[in-house]
Amino acid sequence: MKSANQQTDQQADRLRLGILGTGHLATYTVTGLRRSGDTRQVIVSPRNAERAKYLADNQQCIVAEDNQGVIDQSDLILLAVRPWQLTELLEGLVFPKDKIVVSAVAGLTLEQVRNKADLPDMLALILPVVAAENAQGFVPIYPDIPEVKALADSLGKTIAFKQESQFEEASAMACLNGWLYRFFDEQYHWLIKNGIEEEDARNMVLHNTLGAAHYALGRPQQGLSELAGEIARQGTYTKAGLDQLEAGGAFKQWSDTLDMIKAKLDASDE
């Protein structure tokens, strides 16, 4: 016999998903859903005709006649636009009270989203990163609504927060994706400069990073600093490199930059 939680998850999986905004986030979100085996009906906005056609042809999506059509045909509605586009997007739209609205609008709080329109009581925040295209990465949500969690579970590792302020910190962490690729690129070009073929250099950088992440995930009881210490033992080349990075403030730069992003997010709440 299936548990109550399993039954709830199956019911949530069958909810029709409507997406308002047919850009980059919508595309990698739908791709991730399909790659993870999520076959729910997805209705997309015709706002970007070329992107909507791609999603219809390649990801089994339905293109609505207009944005109101997306809402009317869906149970769960994802807001997937830039913050400055949200007011115009929602203007004139009617949301029945039995719908669930999920905002992926970066930097906006629940209150700020709710103030944009007469939205249903069931309103949540989500922020899938680009790795969701392969159902990877972390997917923060707030609050923990079962139907929203089921969506997030199809896109990666769901982190359901108990406080909205925690979701805001996760939003800052999501920026790391763009920074990490630049960090990877630095390593990639160093390898090429030192005689490594391009394909080999790319594989070395990405699989080295992937391997390190999997190694740490397989040891949840060990602190990350402890794992570093096990490898960077006194007298090793790894320790020499670690010492130089620390002396140059390399790691502090990352936390300082996260503080800067947090300050910007806090300012946008005011």
Protein backbone atom coordinates (compact mmCIF):
# COMPACT_ATOMS: atom_id res chain seq x y z
CA MET A 1 0.00 0.00 0.00
CA LYS A 2 1.30 3.48 -0.92
CA SER A 3 1.93 5.91 1.90
CA ALA A 4 0.05 9.20 2.13
CA ASN A 5 3.21 11.05 1.09
CA GLN A 6 3.63 8.87 -2.01
CA GLN A 7 0.00 9.43 -2.99
CA THR A 8 0.41 13.19 -2.52
CA ASP A 9 3.55 13.18 -4.68
CA GLN A 10 1.79 11.26 -7.46
CA GLN A 11 -1.14 13.66 -7.38
CA ALA A 12 1.24 16.62 -7.52
CA ASP A 13 3.06 15.08 -10.50
CA ARG A 14 -0.20 15.10 -12.45
CA LEU A 15 -0.82 18.81 -11.96
CA ARG A 16 -0.77 20.74 -15.21
CA LEU A 17 2.09 23.24 -15.25
CA GLY A 18 1.66 26.60 -16.93
CA ILE A 19 4.65 28.87 -17.55
CA LEU A 20 4.29 32.62 -17.97
CA GLY A 21 7.44 33.80 -19.68
CA THR A 22 9.12 31.69 -22.34
CA GLY A 23 12.79 32.47 -21.98
CA HIS A 24 15.97 30.79 -20.76
CA LEU A 25 14.64 29.72 -17.34
CA ALA A 26 11.46 28.27 -18.82
CA THR A 27 13.44 26.32 -21.40
CA TYR A 28 15.91 24.68 -19.03
CA THR A 29 13.14 24.00 -16.50
CA VAL A 30 10.96 22.16 -19.01
CA THR A 31 13.98 20.30 -20.41
CA GLY A 32 14.88 19.15 -16.90
CA LEU A 33 11.35 17.98 -16.21
CA ARG A 34 11.31 15.86 -19.34
CA ARG A 35 14.79 14.43 -18.76
CA SER A 36 13.82 13.40 -15.24
CA GLY A 37 10.77 11.54 -16.59
CA ASP A 38 8.17 14.11 -15.55
CA THR A 39 5.43 13.74 -18.17
CA ARG A 40 2.95 16.25 -16.78
CA GLN A 41 1.15 18.51 -19.24
CA VAL A 42 3.05 21.79 -19.69
CA ILE A 43 1.38 24.86 -21.17
CA VAL A 44 3.60 27.73 -22.26
CA SER A 45 3.07 31.35 -23.13
CA PRO A 46 3.26 32.46 -26.78
CA ARG A 47 5.26 35.51 -25.65
CA ASN A 48 8.43 34.30 -27.38
CA ALA A 49 7.04 32.60 -30.50
CA GLU A 50 10.33 30.97 -31.54
CA ARG A 51 11.06 29.58 -28.06
CA ALA A 52 7.46 28.45 -27.59
CA LYS A 53 7.59 26.55 -30.89
CA TYR A 54 10.84 24.89 -29.83
CA LEU A 55 9.26 23.74 -26.55
CA ALA A 56 6.19 22.45 -28.37
CA ASP A 57 8.23 20.57 -30.97
CA ASN A 58 10.92 19.20 -28.66
CA GLN A 59 9.48 19.02 -25.14
CA GLN A 60 5.82 18.12 -25.76
CA CYS A 61 4.50 21.47 -24.55
CA ILE A 62 1.20 23.09 -25.46
CA VAL A 63 1.33 26.71 -26.63
CA ALA A 64 -1.63 28.70 -25.29
CA GLU A 65 -3.30 31.44 -27.31
CA ASP A 66 -2.36 34.04 -24.71
CA ASN A 67 -1.20 34.37 -21.10
CA GLN A 68 -4.72 34.06 -19.72
CA GLY A 69 -4.99 30.80 -21.60
CA VAL A 70 -1.91 29.53 -19.78
CA ILE A 71 -3.58 30.24 -16.44
CA ASP A 72 -6.95 28.78 -17.42
CA GLN A 73 -5.44 25.49 -18.63
CA SER A 74 -3.06 25.01 -15.67
CA ASP A 75 -3.17 24.00 -12.02
CA LEU A 76 0.33 25.24 -11.13
CA ILE A 77 1.56 28.48 -12.71
CA LEU A 78 5.27 29.35 -12.84
CA LEU A 79 6.21 33.02 -13.18
CA ALA A 80 9.44 32.96 -15.20
CA VAL A 81 10.35 36.53 -16.14
CA ARG A 82 12.82 39.20 -15.05
CA PRO A 83 11.81 41.36 -12.04
CA TRP A 84 11.20 44.46 -14.18
CA GLN A 85 8.92 42.46 -16.51
CA LEU A 86 6.56 41.14 -13.84
CA THR A 87 4.18 44.10 -13.53
CA GLU A 88 3.52 44.21 -17.26
CA LEU A 89 3.19 40.41 -17.42
CA LEU A 90 0.51 40.26 -14.73
CA GLU A 91 -1.49 43.28 -15.87
CA GLY A 92 -5.07 42.29 -16.70
CA LEU A 93 -4.62 38.60 -15.85
CA VAL A 94 -7.14 36.79 -13.65
CA PHE A 95 -5.97 34.01 -11.34
CA PRO A 96 -8.72 31.73 -9.97
CA LYS A 97 -8.30 31.13 -6.25
CA ASP A 98 -7.83 27.37 -6.64
CA LYS A 99 -4.59 27.79 -8.60
CA ILE A 100 -1.04 27.59 -7.18
CA VAL A 101 1.39 30.30 -8.28
CA VAL A 102 5.14 29.76 -8.06
CA SER A 103 7.47 32.70 -8.60
CA ALA A 104 10.92 32.18 -10.12
CA VAL A 105 11.39 35.94 -10.36
CA ALA A 106 14.85 36.48 -8.89
CA GLY A 107 15.15 38.89 -5.98
CA LEU A 108 11.44 39.43 -5.29
CA THR A 109 9.90 38.42 -1.97
CA LEU A 110 6.50 36.79 -1.56
CA GLU A 111 5.05 40.13 -0.48
CA GLN A 112 6.50 41.93 -3.49
CA VAL A 113 5.11 39.33 -5.89
CA ARG A 114 1.71 39.35 -4.19
CA ASN A 115 1.52 43.14 -4.45
CA LYS A 116 1.77 42.92 -8.25
CA ALA A 117 -1.66 41.32 -8.75
CA ASP A 118 -4.63 39.63 -7.09
CA LEU A 119 -2.98 36.23 -6.70
CA PRO A 120 -4.27 33.02 -5.09
CA ASP A 121 -3.51 32.22 -1.46
CA MET A 122 -1.16 29.41 -2.53
CA LEU A 123 1.95 31.34 -3.55
CA ALA A 124 5.54 30.09 -3.36
CA LEU A 125 9.08 30.96 -4.39
CA ILE A 126 11.40 28.70 -6.39
CA LEU A 127 14.75 29.29 -8.07
CA PRO A 128 16.02 26.45 -10.28
CA VAL A 129 19.54 27.07 -11.61
CA VAL A 130 20.72 26.12 -15.11
CA ALA A 131 21.82 22.66 -13.90
CA ALA A 132 18.10 21.89 -13.58
CA GLU A 133 18.27 21.20 -17.33
CA ASN A 134 19.86 17.88 -16.34
CA ALA A 135 17.85 17.54 -13.10
CA GLN A 136 20.96 18.52 -11.14
CA GLY A 137 21.90 21.25 -8.70
CA PHE A 138 19.92 22.54 -5.75
CA VAL A 139 16.39 23.90 -6.05
CA PRO A 140 15.35 26.20 -3.19
CA ILE A 141 11.66 26.62 -2.42
CA TYR A 142 9.64 28.54 0.15
CA PRO A 143 7.25 27.69 1.69
CA ASP A 144 7.20 23.89 1.62
CA ILE A 145 4.04 23.26 -0.42
CA PRO A 146 3.79 19.58 -1.52
CA GLU A 147 2.83 20.42 -5.11
CA VAL A 148 5.75 22.83 -5.41
CA LYS A 149 8.17 20.36 -3.83
CA ALA A 150 7.11 17.69 -6.34
CA LEU A 151 7.98 20.10 -9.15
CA ALA A 152 11.34 20.93 -7.56
CA ASP A 153 12.15 17.26 -6.98
CA SER A 154 12.04 16.73 -10.75
CA LEU A 155 14.64 19.45 -11.26
CA GLY A 156 17.35 18.59 -8.73
CA LYS A 157 17.96 18.47 -4.99
CA THR A 158 15.11 20.29 -3.29
CA ILE A 159 15.95 22.50 -0.32
CA ALA A 160 12.66 23.49 1.34
CA PHE A 161 13.18 26.41 3.72
CA LYS A 162 11.21 27.20 6.86
CA GLN A 163 11.90 30.94 6.66
CA GLU A 164 11.81 33.27 3.69
CA SER A 165 15.08 34.90 4.76
CA GLN A 166 16.77 31.53 4.24
CA PHE A 167 15.46 31.44 0.67
CA GLU A 168 17.05 34.84 0.07
CA GLU A 169 20.46 33.49 1.14
CA ALA A 170 19.97 30.61 -1.30
CA SER A 171 19.28 33.16 -4.03
CA ALA A 172 22.74 34.61 -3.44
CA MET A 173 24.27 31.13 -3.65
CA ALA A 174 22.53 30.56 -7.00
CA CYS A 175 24.76 33.28 -8.46
CA LEU A 176 27.72 30.97 -7.88
CA ASN A 177 26.85 29.07 -11.05
CA GLY A 178 28.01 31.90 -13.26
CA TRP A 179 31.13 32.51 -11.18
CA LEU A 180 32.09 28.83 -11.15
CA TYR A 181 32.06 28.62 -14.94
CA ARG A 182 34.47 31.53 -15.07
CA PHE A 183 36.66 29.74 -12.51
CA PHE A 184 36.54 26.56 -14.60
CA ASP A 185 37.48 28.56 -17.68
CA GLU A 186 40.57 29.91 -15.91
CA GLN A 187 41.75 26.35 -15.19
CA TYR A 188 40.85 25.24 -18.73
CA HIS A 189 42.99 27.91 -20.36
CA TRP A 190 45.88 27.25 -17.95
CA LEU A 191 45.91 23.61 -19.06
CA ILE A 192 45.84 24.55 -22.74
CA LYS A 193 48.67 27.04 -22.21
CA ASN A 194 50.68 24.19 -20.73
CA GLY A 195 50.15 21.84 -23.64
CA ILE A 196 46.91 19.98 -22.91
CA GLU A 197 44.49 19.41 -25.82
CA GLU A 198 41.23 21.42 -25.57
CA GLU A 199 38.89 18.43 -25.17
CA ASP A 200 41.17 16.84 -22.57
CA ALA A 201 41.46 20.15 -20.69
CA ARG A 202 37.68 20.58 -20.55
CA ASN A 203 37.17 17.01 -19.34
CA MET A 204 39.90 17.34 -16.72
CA VAL A 205 38.41 20.52 -15.25
CA LEU A 206 34.78 19.39 -15.21
CA HIS A 207 35.32 15.80 -14.09
CA ASN A 208 37.77 16.90 -11.41
CA THR A 209 35.08 19.22 -10.06
CA LEU A 210 32.32 16.64 -10.42
CA GLY A 211 34.45 14.01 -8.70
CA ALA A 212 35.20 16.31 -5.77
CA ALA A 213 31.50 17.06 -5.30
CA HIS A 214 30.53 13.38 -5.42
CA TYR A 215 33.31 12.50 -2.98
CA ALA A 216 31.98 15.03 -0.45
CA LEU A 217 28.36 13.99 -0.99
CA GLY A 218 29.37 10.42 -0.17
CA ARG A 219 30.77 11.57 3.19
CA PRO A 220 27.96 13.65 4.74
CA GLN A 221 29.36 13.30 8.25
CA GLN A 222 32.65 14.99 7.37
CA GLY A 223 33.07 18.75 7.26
CA LEU A 224 34.20 20.22 3.96
CA SER A 225 37.23 21.83 5.58
CA GLU A 226 38.12 18.45 7.08
CA LEU A 227 38.03 16.86 3.63
CA ALA A 228 40.36 19.57 2.34
CA GLY A 229 42.75 18.93 5.24
CA GLU A 230 42.87 15.20 4.51
CA ILE A 231 44.15 15.92 1.00
CA ALA A 232 46.24 19.03 1.66
CA ARG A 233 48.62 17.43 4.17
CA GLN A 234 51.78 19.16 5.30
CA GLY A 235 54.54 18.84 2.72
CA THR A 236 52.24 18.15 -0.25
CA TYR A 237 51.91 20.29 -3.35
CA THR A 238 48.20 20.57 -2.57
CA LYS A 239 49.01 22.17 0.81
CA ALA A 240 51.47 24.59 -0.83
CA GLY A 241 48.79 25.71 -3.27
CA LEU A 242 46.16 25.99 -0.55
CA ASP A 243 48.47 28.13 1.56
CA GLN A 244 49.10 30.53 -1.34
CA LEU A 245 45.38 30.87 -2.07
CA GLU A 246 44.61 31.58 1.58
CA ALA A 247 47.48 34.08 1.88
CA GLY A 248 46.14 35.94 -1.16
CA GLY A 249 42.63 36.13 0.27
CA ALA A 250 41.20 34.02 -2.57
CA PHE A 251 38.57 32.29 -0.44
CA LYS A 252 37.58 35.44 1.43
CA GLN A 253 36.85 37.07 -1.93
CA TRP A 254 34.10 34.50 -2.50
CA SER A 255 32.38 35.18 0.85
CA ASP A 256 32.84 38.93 0.43
CA THR A 257 31.15 38.73 -2.97
CA LEU A 258 28.27 36.71 -1.53
CA ASP A 259 27.91 39.43 1.13
CA MET A 260 27.69 42.01 -1.66
CA ILE A 261 24.95 40.06 -3.44
CA LYS A 262 23.07 39.59 -0.15
CA ALA A 263 23.21 43.34 0.45
CA LYS A 264 21.73 43.96 -3.00
CA LEU A 265 18.95 41.44 -2.32
CA ASP A 266 18.24 43.02 1.08
CA ALA A 267 18.05 46.45 -0.54
CA SER A 268 15.56 45.19 -3.14
CA ASP A 269 13.27 44.05 -0.29
CA GLU A 270 12.85 47.60 0.98
